[in-house]
Amino acid sequence: MLLNNRIIWEDNVTLIDASIRMSNLHAQTLTFAYTTAEDYLYLGSDLPFNHRFIDVGGTPNAVVSVASVEIWDGNAWNAAVDVLDETSNSSGVSLAQDGILRWVCNKNYSWSQEETTEDIPALATLKIYNLYWARVSWSATLTAGTLLNYIGHSFAVDANLGAYYPDLVRSDILGAYETGKTTWKDQHVLAAEEIIADVKRKKLIKSGNQILNPEVFNLAAVHKCAEIIMRGLGKDWDEPRAAALKDYAVALNTLPLGLDSNEDGKIDESERSHVTGLYRA
């Protein structure tokens, strides 16, 4: 994931490469002391992309704020449109909770792969080659101790898992899996990685960034997450695990993929076609 998920925090004029920390749930968190009008979060990708899942750490932001996204077109930053921020709570506080931040590139502009960050003024001191770049900003200075754990892909959450596998979200099952465990965040991310790997194996994509509609993979992600969890719960779970794997295959075989086959960062009408026979358990 690292090569197609670069994450750079511009803290005033200091550039902090958080790519390793933010691409691995088990790495260190990032204390994101964002100051409006002087800081940016830069996201680099091997292909045009339209969303990122953000796992907010134990200290969320508490300041009312709105996220904005801009796209680099090779010469300038252009505002994205239709920005939807699931990390925002009912009080309008962005980065208050885990969620997907998504956007649409303005139809009057287009993405441009930048040969080197040396040609992007704010990133000119870095040498990161052949990526597409977006940058995120917020309308207010965030809580100084705001923590970020992960920025990448996740297609389901515990609420989705509990709807199909209520036993798995019981506290005693979580505790049996790992002492002190309270969520299945890690397993949801692993499920997304396995889904991306499966779709790659069928040569339908070359990058997870071609998945532009993460909701399409929600049910498949639920079953795959359940199967991953059951792997760690012992032989008593072998039978339900096999059932979950079969349900995963069915879910992945019977969905409109909406994959970005022409790599332009948007779902065209021709890319909404129904795909079957994707995966076999």
C-alpha atoms as a PDB file:
ATOM      1  CA  MET A   1       0.000   0.000   0.000  1.00  0.00           C
ATOM      2  CA  LEU A   2       2.865   2.379   0.768  1.00  0.00           C
ATOM      3  CA  LEU A   3       3.890   3.026  -2.834  1.00  0.00           C
ATOM      4  CA  ASN A   4       0.412   4.212  -3.785  1.00  0.00           C
ATOM      5  CA  ASN A   5      -0.484   5.941  -0.525  1.00  0.00           C
ATOM      6  CA  ARG A   6       1.943   8.733   0.283  1.00  0.00           C
ATOM      7  CA  ILE A   7       0.952  11.037   3.136  1.00  0.00           C
ATOM      8  CA  ILE A   8       2.802  14.281   3.771  1.00  0.00           C
ATOM      9  CA  TRP A   9       1.860  16.745   6.495  1.00  0.00           C
ATOM     10  CA  GLU A  10       2.970  20.310   5.897  1.00  0.00           C
ATOM     11  CA  ASP A  11       3.285  21.636   9.451  1.00  0.00           C
ATOM     12  CA  ASN A  12       3.781  25.334   8.748  1.00  0.00           C
ATOM     13  CA  VAL A  13       6.877  25.051   6.527  1.00  0.00           C
ATOM     14  CA  THR A  14       8.067  21.689   7.870  1.00  0.00           C
ATOM     15  CA  LEU A  15       7.223  18.629   5.758  1.00  0.00           C
ATOM     16  CA  ILE A  16       6.562  15.462   7.755  1.00  0.00           C
ATOM     17  CA  ASP A  17       6.415  12.216   5.788  1.00  0.00           C
ATOM     18  CA  ALA A  18       3.788  10.149   7.609  1.00  0.00           C
ATOM     19  CA  SER A  19       3.413   7.555   4.835  1.00  0.00           C
ATOM     20  CA  ILE A  20       4.711   4.619   6.884  1.00  0.00           C
ATOM     21  CA  ARG A  21       2.832   5.505  10.067  1.00  0.00           C
ATOM     22  CA  MET A  22      -0.464   6.195   8.296  1.00  0.00           C
ATOM     23  CA  SER A  23      -0.356   3.133   6.021  1.00  0.00           C
ATOM     24  CA  ASN A  24      -0.002   0.677   8.902  1.00  0.00           C
ATOM     25  CA  LEU A  25      -2.507   0.420  11.759  1.00  0.00           C
ATOM     26  CA  HIS A  26       0.181  -1.128  13.939  1.00  0.00           C
ATOM     27  CA  ALA A  27       2.669   1.710  13.447  1.00  0.00           C
ATOM     28  CA  GLN A  28       2.855   4.839  15.555  1.00  0.00           C
ATOM     29  CA  THR A  29       0.048   7.368  15.532  1.00  0.00           C
ATOM     30  CA  LEU A  30       0.439  10.881  14.163  1.00  0.00           C
ATOM     31  CA  THR A  31      -0.215  13.787  16.500  1.00  0.00           C
ATOM     32  CA  PHE A  32      -1.976  16.056  14.029  1.00  0.00           C
ATOM     33  CA  ALA A  33      -1.745  19.560  15.485  1.00  0.00           C
ATOM     34  CA  TYR A  34      -3.252  21.215  12.432  1.00  0.00           C
ATOM     35  CA  THR A  35      -3.253  25.038  12.183  1.00  0.00           C
ATOM     36  CA  THR A  36      -5.585  26.574   9.625  1.00  0.00           C
ATOM     37  CA  ALA A  37      -4.189  28.798   6.868  1.00  0.00           C
ATOM     38  CA  GLU A  38      -0.664  27.404   7.251  1.00  0.00           C
ATOM     39  CA  ASP A  39      -0.896  23.594   7.276  1.00  0.00           C
ATOM     40  CA  TYR A  40      -1.971  21.008   4.666  1.00  0.00           C
ATOM     41  CA  LEU A  41      -2.268  17.239   4.463  1.00  0.00           C
ATOM     42  CA  TYR A  42      -0.980  15.992   1.090  1.00  0.00           C
ATOM     43  CA  LEU A  43      -2.123  12.643  -0.295  1.00  0.00           C
ATOM     44  CA  GLY A  44      -0.155  11.038  -3.126  1.00  0.00           C
ATOM     45  CA  SER A  45      -1.339   8.115  -5.229  1.00  0.00           C
ATOM     46  CA  ASP A  46      -0.252   6.036  -8.208  1.00  0.00           C
ATOM     47  CA  LEU A  47      -3.607   6.784  -9.918  1.00  0.00           C
ATOM     48  CA  PRO A  48      -6.370   9.401  -9.576  1.00  0.00           C
ATOM     49  CA  PHE A  49      -8.485   8.660  -6.493  1.00  0.00           C
ATOM     50  CA  ASN A  50     -11.605   9.997  -4.814  1.00  0.00           C
ATOM     51  CA  HIS A  51     -11.547   8.924  -1.175  1.00  0.00           C
ATOM     52  CA  ARG A  52      -9.566   7.867   1.839  1.00  0.00           C
ATOM     53  CA  PHE A  53     -10.684   6.132   5.024  1.00  0.00           C
ATOM     54  CA  ILE A  54      -9.309   7.934   8.084  1.00  0.00           C
ATOM     55  CA  ASP A  55      -8.944   6.136  11.406  1.00  0.00           C
ATOM     56  CA  VAL A  56      -8.962   8.802  14.113  1.00  0.00           C
ATOM     57  CA  GLY A  57      -7.000   7.906  17.249  1.00  0.00           C
ATOM     58  CA  GLY A  58      -7.948   7.987  20.903  1.00  0.00           C
ATOM     59  CA  THR A  59      -7.910  11.786  20.924  1.00  0.00           C
ATOM     60  CA  PRO A  60     -10.304  13.077  18.243  1.00  0.00           C
ATOM     61  CA  ASN A  61     -10.679  16.667  17.148  1.00  0.00           C
ATOM     62  CA  ALA A  62     -13.277  18.664  19.111  1.00  0.00           C
ATOM     63  CA  VAL A  63     -13.266  21.932  17.140  1.00  0.00           C
ATOM     64  CA  VAL A  64     -16.059  22.694  14.651  1.00  0.00           C
ATOM     65  CA  SER A  65     -14.370  22.465  11.259  1.00  0.00           C
ATOM     66  CA  VAL A  66     -15.005  21.683   7.601  1.00  0.00           C
ATOM     67  CA  ALA A  67     -12.619  19.720   5.379  1.00  0.00           C
ATOM     68  CA  SER A  68     -11.737  20.946   1.885  1.00  0.00           C
ATOM     69  CA  VAL A  69      -9.938  19.002  -0.839  1.00  0.00           C
ATOM     70  CA  GLU A  70      -7.895  20.306  -3.773  1.00  0.00           C
ATOM     71  CA  ILE A  71      -6.481  18.465  -6.792  1.00  0.00           C
ATOM     72  CA  TRP A  72      -3.111  19.151  -8.441  1.00  0.00           C
ATOM     73  CA  ASP A  73      -3.485  19.564 -12.223  1.00  0.00           C
ATOM     74  CA  GLY A  74       0.212  19.948 -13.010  1.00  0.00           C
ATOM     75  CA  ASN A  75       0.229  23.706 -12.566  1.00  0.00           C
ATOM     76  CA  ALA A  76      -2.113  24.650  -9.727  1.00  0.00           C
ATOM     77  CA  TRP A  77      -4.388  23.370  -6.988  1.00  0.00           C
ATOM     78  CA  ASN A  78      -8.076  23.245  -7.958  1.00  0.00           C
ATOM     79  CA  ALA A  79     -10.910  22.806  -5.476  1.00  0.00           C
ATOM     80  CA  ALA A  80     -12.664  19.443  -5.589  1.00  0.00           C
ATOM     81  CA  VAL A  81     -16.457  19.410  -5.406  1.00  0.00           C
ATOM     82  CA  ASP A  82     -19.061  17.322  -3.605  1.00  0.00           C
ATOM     83  CA  VAL A  83     -16.779  16.753  -0.609  1.00  0.00           C
ATOM     84  CA  LEU A  84     -18.402  14.312   1.822  1.00  0.00           C
ATOM     85  CA  ASP A  85     -16.784  13.885   5.212  1.00  0.00           C
ATOM     86  CA  GLU A  86     -17.840  10.888   7.309  1.00  0.00           C
ATOM     87  CA  THR A  87     -15.298  11.853   9.966  1.00  0.00           C
ATOM     88  CA  SER A  88     -17.535  14.837  10.770  1.00  0.00           C
ATOM     89  CA  ASN A  89     -20.060  14.322  13.577  1.00  0.00           C
ATOM     90  CA  SER A  90     -23.568  15.765  13.971  1.00  0.00           C
ATOM     91  CA  SER A  91     -22.081  18.962  15.416  1.00  0.00           C
ATOM     92  CA  GLY A  92     -19.991  19.640  12.326  1.00  0.00           C
ATOM     93  CA  VAL A  93     -16.671  18.588  13.845  1.00  0.00           C
ATOM     94  CA  SER A  94     -14.373  17.025  11.257  1.00  0.00           C
ATOM     95  CA  LEU A  95     -11.972  14.284  12.434  1.00  0.00           C
ATOM     96  CA  ALA A  96     -14.274  13.626  15.372  1.00  0.00           C
ATOM     97  CA  GLN A  97     -14.662   9.960  14.399  1.00  0.00           C
ATOM     98  CA  ASP A  98     -13.462   7.327  11.948  1.00  0.00           C
ATOM     99  CA  GLY A  99     -14.874   7.578   8.448  1.00  0.00           C
ATOM    100  CA  ILE A 100     -14.321   8.077   4.747  1.00  0.00           C
ATOM    101  CA  LEU A 101     -13.457  11.463   3.277  1.00  0.00           C
ATOM    102  CA  ARG A 102     -14.508  11.559  -0.379  1.00  0.00           C
ATOM    103  CA  TRP A 103     -14.616  14.093  -3.165  1.00  0.00           C
ATOM    104  CA  VAL A 104     -15.133  14.606  -6.904  1.00  0.00           C
ATOM    105  CA  CYS A 105     -12.719  16.350  -9.226  1.00  0.00           C
ATOM    106  CA  ASN A 106     -14.323  19.476 -10.728  1.00  0.00           C
ATOM    107  CA  LYS A 107     -15.398  18.655 -14.313  1.00  0.00           C
ATOM    108  CA  ASN A 108     -13.609  21.796 -15.547  1.00  0.00           C
ATOM    109  CA  TYR A 109     -10.250  20.473 -14.386  1.00  0.00           C
ATOM    110  CA  SER A 110      -8.365  17.217 -14.603  1.00  0.00           C
ATOM    111  CA  TRP A 111      -5.799  15.259 -12.650  1.00  0.00           C
ATOM    112  CA  SER A 112      -2.180  15.321 -13.744  1.00  0.00           C
ATOM    113  CA  GLN A 113       0.497  12.874 -12.723  1.00  0.00           C
ATOM    114  CA  GLU A 114       3.425  14.906 -11.432  1.00  0.00           C
ATOM    115  CA  GLU A 115       6.797  13.573 -12.509  1.00  0.00           C
ATOM    116  CA  THR A 116       8.417  14.842  -9.328  1.00  0.00           C
ATOM    117  CA  THR A 117       7.312  16.750  -6.234  1.00  0.00           C
ATOM    118  CA  GLU A 118      10.166  19.121  -6.990  1.00  0.00           C
ATOM    119  CA  ASP A 119       7.690  20.762  -9.405  1.00  0.00           C
ATOM    120  CA  ILE A 120       5.040  21.318  -6.721  1.00  0.00           C
ATOM    121  CA  PRO A 121       6.037  24.475  -4.827  1.00  0.00           C
ATOM    122  CA  ALA A 122       5.064  23.351  -1.323  1.00  0.00           C
ATOM    123  CA  LEU A 123       6.650  19.907  -1.810  1.00  0.00           C
ATOM    124  CA  ALA A 124       9.700  21.032  -3.774  1.00  0.00           C
ATOM    125  CA  THR A 125      12.191  19.867  -1.143  1.00  0.00           C
ATOM    126  CA  LEU A 126      11.027  16.269  -1.590  1.00  0.00           C
ATOM    127  CA  LYS A 127      11.783  13.882  -4.421  1.00  0.00           C
ATOM    128  CA  ILE A 128       8.726  11.642  -4.811  1.00  0.00           C
ATOM    129  CA  TYR A 129       8.164  10.584  -8.395  1.00  0.00           C
ATOM    130  CA  ASN A 130       5.218   9.944 -10.721  1.00  0.00           C
ATOM    131  CA  LEU A 131       2.232  10.352  -8.434  1.00  0.00           C
ATOM    132  CA  TYR A 132      -1.108  12.148  -8.451  1.00  0.00           C
ATOM    133  CA  TRP A 133      -1.623  14.552  -5.557  1.00  0.00           C
ATOM    134  CA  ALA A 134      -4.523  15.912  -3.551  1.00  0.00           C
ATOM    135  CA  ARG A 135      -4.308  18.136  -0.508  1.00  0.00           C
ATOM    136  CA  VAL A 136      -6.705  18.475   2.402  1.00  0.00           C
ATOM    137  CA  SER A 137      -7.239  21.498   4.614  1.00  0.00           C
ATOM    138  CA  TRP A 138      -9.658  22.385   7.400  1.00  0.00           C
ATOM    139  CA  SER A 139     -11.557  25.596   8.094  1.00  0.00           C
ATOM    140  CA  ALA A 140     -10.373  25.890  11.705  1.00  0.00           C
ATOM    141  CA  THR A 141      -7.342  25.055  13.818  1.00  0.00           C
ATOM    142  CA  LEU A 142      -7.937  21.568  15.203  1.00  0.00           C
ATOM    143  CA  THR A 143      -7.537  20.264  18.739  1.00  0.00           C
ATOM    144  CA  ALA A 144      -3.789  20.238  19.380  1.00  0.00           C
ATOM    145  CA  GLY A 145      -3.693  16.600  20.514  1.00  0.00           C
ATOM    146  CA  THR A 146      -5.740  15.166  17.646  1.00  0.00           C
ATOM    147  CA  LEU A 147      -4.414  11.702  16.777  1.00  0.00           C
ATOM    148  CA  LEU A 148      -4.556   9.908  13.449  1.00  0.00           C
ATOM    149  CA  ASN A 149      -3.937   6.155  13.245  1.00  0.00           C
ATOM    150  CA  TYR A 150      -4.398   5.234   9.593  1.00  0.00           C
ATOM    151  CA  ILE A 151      -5.272   6.715   6.208  1.00  0.00           C
ATOM    152  CA  GLY A 152      -6.095   4.239   3.459  1.00  0.00           C
ATOM    153  CA  HIS A 153      -8.856   1.776   2.578  1.00  0.00           C
ATOM    154  CA  SER A 154     -11.627   0.216   4.657  1.00  0.00           C
ATOM    155  CA  PHE A 155     -14.995  -0.841   3.270  1.00  0.00           C
ATOM    156  CA  ALA A 156     -16.979  -1.748   6.411  1.00  0.00           C
ATOM    157  CA  VAL A 157     -17.268  -0.979  10.122  1.00  0.00           C
ATOM    158  CA  ASP A 158     -18.287  -2.943  13.212  1.00  0.00           C
ATOM    159  CA  ALA A 159     -21.920  -1.865  12.873  1.00  0.00           C
ATOM    160  CA  ASN A 160     -22.058  -3.573   9.457  1.00  0.00           C
ATOM    161  CA  LEU A 161     -20.325  -6.655  10.844  1.00  0.00           C
ATOM    162  CA  GLY A 162     -22.706  -6.891  13.794  1.00  0.00           C
ATOM    163  CA  ALA A 163     -25.736  -6.829  11.517  1.00  0.00           C
ATOM    164  CA  TYR A 164     -24.641 -10.132   9.929  1.00  0.00           C
ATOM    165  CA  TYR A 165     -22.486 -11.643  12.688  1.00  0.00           C
ATOM    166  CA  PRO A 166     -23.835 -10.390  16.045  1.00  0.00           C
ATOM    167  CA  ASP A 167     -21.762 -12.883  18.028  1.00  0.00           C
ATOM    168  CA  LEU A 168     -18.538 -11.413  16.689  1.00  0.00           C
ATOM    169  CA  VAL A 169     -19.147  -7.958  18.153  1.00  0.00           C
ATOM    170  CA  ARG A 170     -19.792  -9.283  21.672  1.00  0.00           C
ATOM    171  CA  SER A 171     -17.267  -8.020  24.193  1.00  0.00           C
ATOM    172  CA  ASP A 172     -16.370 -11.546  25.322  1.00  0.00           C
ATOM    173  CA  ILE A 173     -15.498 -12.573  21.751  1.00  0.00           C
ATOM    174  CA  LEU A 174     -13.410  -9.457  21.247  1.00  0.00           C
ATOM    175  CA  GLY A 175     -11.645 -10.159  24.564  1.00  0.00           C
ATOM    176  CA  ALA A 176     -11.083 -13.805  23.647  1.00  0.00           C
ATOM    177  CA  TYR A 177      -9.395 -12.734  20.423  1.00  0.00           C
ATOM    178  CA  GLU A 178      -7.082 -10.247  22.129  1.00  0.00           C
ATOM    179  CA  THR A 179      -6.968  -8.906  25.678  1.00  0.00           C
ATOM    180  CA  GLY A 180      -8.369  -5.393  25.815  1.00  0.00           C
ATOM    181  CA  LYS A 181      -9.638  -5.433  22.233  1.00  0.00           C
ATOM    182  CA  THR A 182     -12.756  -3.288  21.714  1.00  0.00           C
ATOM    183  CA  THR A 183     -13.116  -3.033  17.919  1.00  0.00           C
ATOM    184  CA  TRP A 184     -12.297  -4.946  14.756  1.00  0.00           C
ATOM    185  CA  LYS A 185     -10.662  -1.959  13.013  1.00  0.00           C
ATOM    186  CA  ASP A 186      -7.513  -3.897  12.145  1.00  0.00           C
ATOM    187  CA  GLN A 187      -9.497  -6.744  10.635  1.00  0.00           C
ATOM    188  CA  HIS A 188     -11.633  -4.373   8.529  1.00  0.00           C
ATOM    189  CA  VAL A 189      -8.464  -2.902   7.044  1.00  0.00           C
ATOM    190  CA  LEU A 190      -7.062  -6.398   6.421  1.00  0.00           C
ATOM    191  CA  ALA A 191     -10.351  -7.348   4.741  1.00  0.00           C
ATOM    192  CA  ALA A 192     -10.068  -4.360   2.406  1.00  0.00           C
ATOM    193  CA  GLU A 193      -6.495  -5.343   1.561  1.00  0.00           C
ATOM    194  CA  GLU A 194      -7.561  -8.908   0.752  1.00  0.00           C
ATOM    195  CA  ILE A 195     -10.441  -7.687  -1.408  1.00  0.00           C
ATOM    196  CA  ILE A 196      -8.095  -5.405  -3.341  1.00  0.00           C
ATOM    197  CA  ALA A 197      -5.664  -8.307  -3.782  1.00  0.00           C
ATOM    198  CA  ASP A 198      -8.464 -10.563  -5.081  1.00  0.00           C
ATOM    199  CA  VAL A 199      -9.647  -7.975  -7.600  1.00  0.00           C
ATOM    200  CA  LYS A 200      -6.054  -7.430  -8.697  1.00  0.00           C
ATOM    201  CA  ARG A 201      -5.546 -11.154  -9.222  1.00  0.00           C
ATOM    202  CA  LYS A 202      -8.396 -11.104 -11.710  1.00  0.00           C
ATOM    203  CA  LYS A 203      -6.573  -8.269 -13.514  1.00  0.00           C
ATOM    204  CA  LEU A 204      -9.560  -5.956 -13.148  1.00  0.00           C
ATOM    205  CA  ILE A 205      -7.426  -3.313 -11.447  1.00  0.00           C
ATOM    206  CA  LYS A 206      -3.763  -2.635 -10.884  1.00  0.00           C
ATOM    207  CA  SER A 207      -4.315  -0.373  -7.876  1.00  0.00           C
ATOM    208  CA  GLY A 208      -6.800  -0.151  -5.025  1.00  0.00           C
ATOM    209  CA  ASN A 209      -7.230   3.490  -5.987  1.00  0.00           C
ATOM    210  CA  GLN A 210      -9.338   2.345  -8.945  1.00  0.00           C
ATOM    211  CA  ILE A 211     -12.072   1.463  -6.446  1.00  0.00           C
ATOM    212  CA  LEU A 212     -14.089   4.672  -6.467  1.00  0.00           C
ATOM    213  CA  ASN A 213     -17.240   3.460  -4.721  1.00  0.00           C
ATOM    214  CA  PRO A 214     -16.241   1.710  -1.479  1.00  0.00           C
ATOM    215  CA  GLU A 215     -19.879   0.993  -0.510  1.00  0.00           C
ATOM    216  CA  VAL A 216     -20.105  -1.496  -3.362  1.00  0.00           C
ATOM    217  CA  PHE A 217     -17.665  -3.708  -1.462  1.00  0.00           C
ATOM    218  CA  ASN A 218     -19.357  -3.340   1.919  1.00  0.00           C
ATOM    219  CA  LEU A 219     -21.045  -6.751   2.049  1.00  0.00           C
ATOM    220  CA  ALA A 220     -18.003  -8.563   0.702  1.00  0.00           C
ATOM    221  CA  ALA A 221     -15.908  -6.737   3.314  1.00  0.00           C
ATOM    222  CA  VAL A 222     -18.250  -7.829   6.109  1.00  0.00           C
ATOM    223  CA  HIS A 223     -17.935 -11.510   5.175  1.00  0.00           C
ATOM    224  CA  LYS A 224     -14.195 -11.282   4.605  1.00  0.00           C
ATOM    225  CA  CYS A 225     -13.693  -9.534   7.955  1.00  0.00           C
ATOM    226  CA  ALA A 226     -15.743 -12.247   9.676  1.00  0.00           C
ATOM    227  CA  GLU A 227     -13.661 -14.947   8.012  1.00  0.00           C
ATOM    228  CA  ILE A 228     -10.427 -13.243   9.108  1.00  0.00           C
ATOM    229  CA  ILE A 229     -11.671 -12.978  12.695  1.00  0.00           C
ATOM    230  CA  MET A 230     -12.701 -16.627  12.779  1.00  0.00           C
ATOM    231  CA  ARG A 231      -9.227 -17.677  11.644  1.00  0.00           C
ATOM    232  CA  GLY A 232      -7.966 -16.485  15.018  1.00  0.00           C
ATOM    233  CA  LEU A 233     -10.714 -17.994  17.166  1.00  0.00           C
ATOM    234  CA  GLY A 234      -9.725 -21.654  16.871  1.00  0.00           C
ATOM    235  CA  LYS A 235     -11.133 -24.814  15.333  1.00  0.00           C
ATOM    236  CA  ASP A 236     -14.554 -24.397  16.960  1.00  0.00           C
ATOM    237  CA  TRP A 237     -15.144 -21.666  14.383  1.00  0.00           C
ATOM    238  CA  ASP A 238     -14.075 -23.671  11.322  1.00  0.00           C
ATOM    239  CA  GLU A 239     -17.614 -24.330  10.097  1.00  0.00           C
ATOM    240  CA  PRO A 240     -18.914 -20.736  10.364  1.00  0.00           C
ATOM    241  CA  ARG A 241     -15.636 -19.548   8.909  1.00  0.00           C
ATOM    242  CA  ALA A 242     -16.149 -21.737   5.822  1.00  0.00           C
ATOM    243  CA  ALA A 243     -19.679 -20.357   5.498  1.00  0.00           C
ATOM    244  CA  ALA A 244     -18.382 -16.791   5.734  1.00  0.00           C
ATOM    245  CA  LEU A 245     -15.837 -17.499   2.999  1.00  0.00           C
ATOM    246  CA  LYS A 246     -18.571 -18.822   0.712  1.00  0.00           C
ATOM    247  CA  ASP A 247     -20.726 -15.792   1.427  1.00  0.00           C
ATOM    248  CA  TYR A 248     -17.735 -13.615   0.607  1.00  0.00           C
ATOM    249  CA  ALA A 249     -17.339 -15.306  -2.773  1.00  0.00           C
ATOM    250  CA  VAL A 250     -21.036 -14.797  -3.546  1.00  0.00           C
ATOM    251  CA  ALA A 251     -20.927 -11.130  -2.497  1.00  0.00           C
ATOM    252  CA  LEU A 252     -17.842 -10.443  -4.595  1.00  0.00           C
ATOM    253  CA  ASN A 253     -19.322 -12.233  -7.608  1.00  0.00           C
ATOM    254  CA  THR A 254     -22.647 -10.408  -7.649  1.00  0.00           C
ATOM    255  CA  LEU A 255     -21.969  -6.689  -7.492  1.00  0.00           C
ATOM    256  CA  PRO A 256     -21.671  -3.760  -9.890  1.00  0.00           C
ATOM    257  CA  LEU A 257     -17.989  -3.062  -9.520  1.00  0.00           C
ATOM    258  CA  GLY A 258     -17.800   0.529 -10.756  1.00  0.00           C
ATOM    259  CA  LEU A 259     -14.036   0.240 -11.164  1.00  0.00           C
ATOM    260  CA  ASP A 260     -12.041   3.052 -12.745  1.00  0.00           C
ATOM    261  CA  SER A 261     -10.780   1.049 -15.712  1.00  0.00           C
ATOM    262  CA  ASN A 262      -9.721   4.090 -17.739  1.00  0.00           C
ATOM    263  CA  GLU A 263      -7.895   5.615 -14.745  1.00  0.00           C
ATOM    264  CA  ASP A 264      -9.438   9.089 -14.904  1.00  0.00           C
ATOM    265  CA  GLY A 265     -10.616   9.298 -11.292  1.00  0.00           C
ATOM    266  CA  LYS A 266     -14.349   9.085 -12.001  1.00  0.00           C
ATOM    267  CA  ILE A 267     -16.891   6.370 -12.725  1.00  0.00           C
ATOM    268  CA  ASP A 268     -18.042   6.606 -16.323  1.00  0.00           C
ATOM    269  CA  GLU A 269     -21.295   5.046 -17.492  1.00  0.00           C
ATOM    270  CA  SER A 270     -19.426   2.225 -19.203  1.00  0.00           C
ATOM    271  CA  GLU A 271     -17.736   1.381 -15.885  1.00  0.00           C
ATOM    272  CA  ARG A 272     -20.999   0.767 -14.040  1.00  0.00           C
ATOM    273  CA  SER A 273     -21.532  -2.611 -15.704  1.00  0.00           C
ATOM    274  CA  HIS A 274     -22.414  -5.691 -13.672  1.00  0.00           C
ATOM    275  CA  VAL A 275     -19.548  -8.123 -13.230  1.00  0.00           C
ATOM    276  CA  THR A 276     -19.843 -11.809 -12.311  1.00  0.00           C
ATOM    277  CA  GLY A 277     -17.396 -14.679 -11.861  1.00  0.00           C
ATOM    278  CA  LEU A 278     -14.898 -12.459 -10.058  1.00  0.00           C
ATOM    279  CA  TYR A 279     -13.876 -14.810  -7.282  1.00  0.00           C
ATOM    280  CA  ARG A 280     -14.216 -18.462  -6.398  1.00  0.00           C
ATOM    281  CA  ALA A 281     -13.850 -19.730  -2.830  1.00  0.00           C
END
